[in-house]
Each structure stands twice: as C-alpha cells, then as structure tokens.
Amino acid sequence: MDPKIALGISACLLGEKVRYDGRHKLDRRLRDGFGQRVRWVPVCPEVECGLPVPREPIHLVAARGGVRLETLETGVDLTGRMKAWARKRLAALRAENLGGFVFKARSPSCGLECVEIHSRSGAVARRGAGLWAAAFTARFPLLPVAEEGRLRTRAAREDFCRRVFALRRWRDLAARGGTRAALLDFHARHKLLLAAQAPVLARALEALLARMGNTRLEAVFDRYGALLARALAAAPPGVKERPRGST
C-alpha cells in the first residue's frame, strides 16, 4: 500500500500553467506545507476537457433547467463537454483512492462555493459551486475537501491534514478486519478531533460504541465508518457547509 495519501488538487495550484491566460496560481504553502506526506493528483477540468491554453475566459450562467458553463465573450456553451469529461474523470479517480481534494476558489469549474453565477444581462444572479467541484462532491460526498483560500493558515492546513489522515487510518483498520479493541482504540485516538469537527456526529459515535455489546462486529464497523466519514467531511463549526453536488 502506498504510504503517501493521494490528494486531488486543482492543477494550477501546483504551478502548472493551465489557466485561461497561460499562467498558474502556485500555492507554495500547499505544495511545501504538505511535504512528503501526500501524493498530489492534479486535475485541470478546463484543459482536460479539451480547451486550449491560453483561451477565452469562461463563466457560469443561470439558465432554464440549470446552470450553464459558457465562454465569456462569444457565449459558446461548454456545459455538455465539461459534464461528459467529468463523468469519465470521476470514474478514473476511483482507482486513485483519494483521501481528499483541494480546489481553486472562485473558479467556474473548481470553486466549491461563492462562484459567481450570472444572469443573461451579465449581473451576478447568485453564487454556487463550479461544475467540476459540484460533480466531484456529488460523486465523493464523504471525502474531506477545501478551497485553497480556506487553507491559508497553518492551523487550517493542519486541521485538514488531521481529517485526511484520520480517514486513511480508518480505511487501513477496516481493510485489516479490526477487532472491537482496535475500534475502541481508534476512537480514543480521534475523539477530540471528532468532537471539535462535528459534535453531533461525535456523540452518535460515542453512543454506537456504548451500546455495541453483542452486536455483530461487521455491522458496528459499517455504521461507525459511515458516521466517521460524515464527520470528517463536514465543514467545521463556524465554516459554511460545503455544497453537495449542486450549483
């Protein structure tokens, strides 16, 4: 098993020159701060779906039946192309066993929240998620995700790492076919993280363990794993809840 955790990331944040203007958005705090602990899996939805570099800027437009992804000046509709590519890319990413994803904020493809969605007149009608971010969180709703803007401080990056690594340790434990003692030990090691991250779910986990008694161990592991993943994927208290696959 690869000792490094695979993390998806918007490719421009690693310094790849894939943006519409031929530039990048290298975030050294991410690239260097995560050190040798992770294996980055870069994704650029716009280039990977066939758009050139440089290219005409794109934006989201509110339309009947949903949000459309269009070129800013010529109005070419790229929605179908992006969604068709996303279906294939998401299927391929399952093999990567990702532990989470870091998205580029405010991008019409990668932004998790607060991406401008325009009316036909050009005004900002509302805000939502980019098409790729929405598709990813719908397919992998229980993975920890964040925009790079949420990871600017060392404390925020460490919190994200703790959640990603806790999920990895759980996957390893479940794959080994853990015992009741191993489950209780895992929970003891992570209870403070869970209480701070998702208090309601942390209490549900405590209750599950308190009443597991003679319950079939496989059922306890399944239920614990489901609650744990929800807790680790949740937005921490005081942070806006991430969108769930919609714009």
Protein backbone atom coordinates (compact mmCIF):
# COMPACT_ATOMS: atom_id res chain seq x y z
CA MET A 1 0.00 0.00 0.00
CA ASP A 2 1.33 3.47 -0.91
CA PRO A 3 2.42 5.14 2.37
CA LYS A 4 1.52 8.51 0.91
CA ILE A 5 -2.06 9.73 0.80
CA ALA A 6 -3.39 10.67 -2.62
CA LEU A 7 -4.92 14.14 -2.63
CA GLY A 8 -6.62 15.65 -5.63
CA ILE A 9 -5.81 19.29 -6.35
CA SER A 10 -6.59 21.92 -8.96
CA ALA A 11 -3.50 21.72 -11.19
CA CYS A 12 -2.87 25.47 -11.27
CA LEU A 13 -2.22 25.40 -7.50
CA LEU A 14 0.84 23.21 -8.12
CA GLY A 15 2.27 25.70 -10.59
CA GLU A 16 1.01 24.16 -13.82
CA LYS A 17 0.40 26.86 -16.44
CA VAL A 18 -3.13 25.81 -17.31
CA ARG A 19 -5.18 28.95 -16.62
CA TYR A 20 -7.02 30.83 -19.36
CA ASP A 21 -4.25 33.45 -19.51
CA GLY A 22 -1.45 30.88 -19.65
CA ARG A 23 -0.43 31.48 -16.06
CA HIS A 24 -0.60 29.45 -12.86
CA LYS A 25 -1.68 30.02 -9.26
CA LEU A 26 1.11 28.20 -7.45
CA ASP A 27 0.38 27.94 -3.73
CA ARG A 28 3.70 27.19 -2.05
CA ARG A 29 2.02 26.79 1.33
CA LEU A 30 0.17 23.79 -0.05
CA ARG A 31 2.95 22.37 -2.18
CA ASP A 32 5.61 22.69 0.50
CA GLY A 33 3.48 22.56 3.64
CA PHE A 34 2.17 19.08 2.98
CA GLY A 35 5.73 17.93 2.34
CA GLN A 36 6.33 14.28 1.62
CA ARG A 37 3.13 13.12 3.29
CA VAL A 38 0.91 13.26 0.21
CA ARG A 39 0.92 12.29 -3.43
CA TRP A 40 -0.76 15.05 -5.38
CA VAL A 41 -3.19 14.13 -8.16
CA PRO A 42 -3.51 17.31 -10.25
CA VAL A 43 -6.68 17.97 -12.23
CA CYS A 44 -7.46 20.86 -14.57
CA PRO A 45 -11.05 20.43 -15.79
CA GLU A 46 -10.79 23.06 -18.50
CA VAL A 47 -7.61 21.78 -20.15
CA GLU A 48 -8.51 18.12 -19.65
CA CYS A 49 -11.88 18.59 -21.34
CA GLY A 50 -10.07 19.91 -24.41
CA LEU A 51 -9.81 23.69 -24.03
CA PRO A 52 -6.53 25.32 -25.15
CA VAL A 53 -4.04 27.46 -23.25
CA PRO A 54 -4.45 30.39 -23.50
CA ARG A 55 -8.21 30.52 -24.04
CA GLU A 56 -11.25 32.72 -23.76
CA PRO A 57 -12.38 33.12 -20.15
CA ILE A 58 -15.47 31.19 -19.09
CA HIS A 59 -18.22 31.85 -16.57
CA LEU A 60 -21.39 30.32 -15.17
CA VAL A 61 -24.77 31.50 -16.44
CA ALA A 62 -28.16 30.89 -14.86
CA ALA A 63 -30.47 29.30 -17.41
CA ARG A 64 -33.75 27.45 -17.54
CA GLY A 65 -33.08 23.90 -16.45
CA GLY A 66 -29.84 24.64 -14.61
CA VAL A 67 -26.52 26.43 -14.72
CA ARG A 68 -24.56 26.61 -17.96
CA LEU A 69 -20.82 26.98 -18.46
CA GLU A 70 -20.15 29.42 -21.30
CA THR A 71 -17.31 31.37 -22.85
CA LEU A 72 -17.42 34.93 -21.61
CA GLU A 73 -17.28 36.84 -24.89
CA THR A 74 -18.62 34.51 -27.59
CA GLY A 75 -21.19 32.66 -25.47
CA VAL A 76 -20.15 29.15 -26.56
CA ASP A 77 -21.88 26.61 -24.33
CA LEU A 78 -19.32 24.21 -22.81
CA THR A 79 -21.66 22.55 -20.31
CA GLY A 80 -22.08 19.27 -22.16
CA ARG A 81 -18.37 18.96 -22.88
CA MET A 82 -17.45 19.60 -19.24
CA LYS A 83 -20.03 17.18 -17.83
CA ALA A 84 -19.11 14.40 -20.25
CA TRP A 85 -15.43 14.76 -19.34
CA ALA A 86 -16.27 14.89 -15.61
CA ARG A 87 -18.11 11.56 -15.75
CA LYS A 88 -15.04 9.85 -17.21
CA ARG A 89 -12.59 11.60 -14.89
CA LEU A 90 -14.59 10.74 -11.79
CA ALA A 91 -14.65 7.09 -12.79
CA ALA A 92 -10.87 7.15 -13.24
CA LEU A 93 -10.33 8.86 -9.88
CA ARG A 94 -11.94 5.96 -8.04
CA ALA A 95 -8.78 3.97 -8.73
CA GLU A 96 -6.67 6.67 -7.04
CA ASN A 97 -8.30 6.04 -3.64
CA LEU A 98 -8.23 9.76 -2.91
CA GLY A 99 -8.13 11.00 0.66
CA GLY A 100 -9.50 14.45 -0.20
CA PHE A 101 -9.34 17.31 -2.71
CA VAL A 102 -8.11 20.92 -2.67
CA PHE A 103 -9.99 23.18 -5.11
CA LYS A 104 -9.18 26.59 -6.61
CA ALA A 105 -11.53 29.15 -5.16
CA ARG A 106 -13.90 31.22 -7.33
CA SER A 107 -13.19 29.16 -10.44
CA PRO A 108 -16.27 28.44 -12.61
CA SER A 109 -15.09 24.85 -12.82
CA CYS A 110 -13.30 24.28 -9.49
CA GLY A 111 -14.79 26.67 -6.94
CA LEU A 112 -16.60 24.95 -4.06
CA GLU A 113 -18.67 27.96 -3.02
CA CYS A 114 -19.27 31.62 -3.79
CA VAL A 115 -18.63 31.20 -7.53
CA GLU A 116 -20.48 33.92 -9.41
CA ILE A 117 -23.45 32.74 -11.48
CA HIS A 118 -24.54 35.44 -13.91
CA SER A 119 -27.83 36.36 -15.49
CA ARG A 120 -28.08 36.86 -19.24
CA SER A 121 -27.67 40.58 -18.64
CA GLY A 122 -24.29 39.94 -17.06
CA ALA A 123 -25.28 40.74 -13.49
CA VAL A 124 -24.47 38.32 -10.67
CA ALA A 125 -27.71 36.43 -10.10
CA ARG A 126 -26.45 34.22 -7.26
CA ARG A 127 -23.45 32.22 -6.15
CA GLY A 128 -22.75 28.50 -6.09
CA ALA A 129 -20.23 25.79 -6.96
CA GLY A 130 -18.22 25.29 -10.15
CA LEU A 131 -19.27 22.43 -12.42
CA TRP A 132 -16.32 20.17 -11.60
CA ALA A 133 -16.48 20.83 -7.86
CA ALA A 134 -20.21 20.09 -7.87
CA ALA A 135 -19.72 16.86 -9.79
CA PHE A 136 -16.85 15.76 -7.53
CA THR A 137 -18.69 16.36 -4.25
CA ALA A 138 -21.76 14.60 -5.60
CA ARG A 139 -19.68 11.52 -6.51
CA PHE A 140 -17.49 11.58 -3.38
CA PRO A 141 -19.68 13.26 -0.74
CA LEU A 142 -17.74 11.79 2.20
CA LEU A 143 -14.23 12.97 1.30
CA PRO A 144 -12.67 15.97 3.07
CA VAL A 145 -12.48 18.88 0.63
CA ALA A 146 -11.42 22.53 0.86
CA GLU A 147 -10.68 25.55 -1.27
CA GLU A 148 -7.11 26.77 -1.09
CA GLY A 149 -8.36 30.00 0.43
CA ARG A 150 -9.59 28.05 3.47
CA LEU A 151 -6.09 26.62 3.96
CA ARG A 152 -4.11 29.83 4.21
CA THR A 153 -3.20 29.44 7.86
CA ARG A 154 -1.04 26.71 9.32
CA ALA A 155 -3.83 25.79 11.74
CA ALA A 156 -6.31 25.31 8.90
CA ARG A 157 -3.88 23.16 6.91
CA GLU A 158 -3.15 21.04 9.97
CA ASP A 159 -6.87 20.58 10.62
CA PHE A 160 -7.41 19.45 7.03
CA CYS A 161 -4.46 17.06 7.31
CA ARG A 162 -5.80 15.60 10.54
CA ARG A 163 -9.12 14.80 8.85
CA VAL A 164 -7.48 13.33 5.77
CA PHE A 165 -5.10 11.18 7.80
CA ALA A 166 -7.86 10.03 10.16
CA LEU A 167 -9.82 8.78 7.17
CA ARG A 168 -6.73 6.95 5.89
CA ARG A 169 -6.15 5.29 9.26
CA TRP A 170 -9.78 4.19 9.33
CA ARG A 171 -9.53 2.71 5.85
CA ASP A 172 -6.41 0.80 6.88
CA LEU A 173 -8.10 -0.51 10.03
CA ALA A 174 -11.23 -1.59 8.18
CA ALA A 175 -9.15 -3.28 5.47
CA ARG A 176 -7.31 -5.32 8.08
CA GLY A 177 -10.58 -6.51 9.63
CA GLY A 178 -10.20 -4.86 13.02
CA THR A 179 -11.34 -6.10 16.41
CA ARG A 180 -13.56 -4.45 19.00
CA ALA A 181 -10.45 -3.49 20.95
CA ALA A 182 -8.91 -1.91 17.84
CA LEU A 183 -12.11 0.04 17.17
CA LEU A 184 -12.20 1.40 20.72
CA ASP A 185 -8.53 2.34 20.47
CA PHE A 186 -9.11 4.12 17.16
CA HIS A 187 -11.96 6.10 18.65
CA ALA A 188 -9.96 7.06 21.73
CA ARG A 189 -7.20 8.43 19.48
CA HIS A 190 -9.61 10.54 17.42
CA LYS A 191 -12.40 11.53 19.82
CA LEU A 192 -11.10 15.06 20.41
CA LEU A 193 -10.78 15.70 16.68
CA LEU A 194 -14.31 14.42 16.09
CA ALA A 195 -15.78 16.41 18.98
CA ALA A 196 -14.29 19.62 17.58
CA GLN A 197 -15.12 18.82 13.96
CA ALA A 198 -18.70 17.52 14.21
CA PRO A 199 -20.07 17.45 17.78
CA VAL A 200 -23.42 15.88 16.94
CA LEU A 201 -21.87 13.05 14.94
CA ALA A 202 -19.19 12.59 17.63
CA ARG A 203 -21.94 11.96 20.17
CA ALA A 204 -23.59 9.49 17.81
CA LEU A 205 -20.31 7.59 17.54
CA GLU A 206 -19.96 7.50 21.32
CA ALA A 207 -23.50 6.15 21.61
CA LEU A 208 -22.82 3.49 18.98
CA LEU A 209 -19.79 2.21 20.85
CA ALA A 210 -21.56 2.32 24.21
CA ARG A 211 -24.32 0.02 23.02
CA MET A 212 -22.42 -2.26 20.67
CA GLY A 213 -22.46 -5.09 23.22
CA ASN A 214 -23.05 -8.30 21.33
CA THR A 215 -23.95 -6.57 18.07
CA ARG A 216 -22.33 -8.20 15.05
CA LEU A 217 -18.89 -6.60 14.69
CA GLU A 218 -19.20 -6.15 10.94
CA ALA A 219 -22.38 -4.12 11.42
CA VAL A 220 -20.71 -1.95 14.06
CA PHE A 221 -17.76 -1.27 11.76
CA ASP A 222 -20.06 -0.40 8.85
CA ARG A 223 -22.08 2.04 10.94
CA TYR A 224 -19.03 3.56 12.60
CA GLY A 225 -17.32 4.04 9.24
CA ALA A 226 -20.37 5.77 7.77
CA LEU A 227 -20.69 8.18 10.70
CA LEU A 228 -16.95 8.81 10.81
CA ALA A 229 -16.77 9.70 7.12
CA ARG A 230 -19.67 12.13 7.51
CA ALA A 231 -17.94 13.77 10.46
CA LEU A 232 -14.60 14.13 8.67
CA ALA A 233 -16.23 15.53 5.53
CA ALA A 234 -18.38 18.06 7.37
CA ALA A 235 -17.48 21.73 7.47
CA PRO A 236 -16.03 22.58 10.90
CA PRO A 237 -18.21 24.71 13.22
CA GLY A 238 -18.25 28.33 12.09
CA VAL A 239 -17.47 27.46 8.45
CA LYS A 240 -20.16 27.49 5.79
CA GLU A 241 -21.27 23.96 4.89
CA ARG A 242 -19.93 22.89 1.54
CA PRO A 243 -22.35 22.36 -1.36
CA ARG A 244 -23.48 18.81 -2.06
CA GLY A 245 -23.14 18.46 -5.79
CA SER A 246 -25.29 21.37 -6.89
CA THR A 247 -24.91 24.91 -8.08
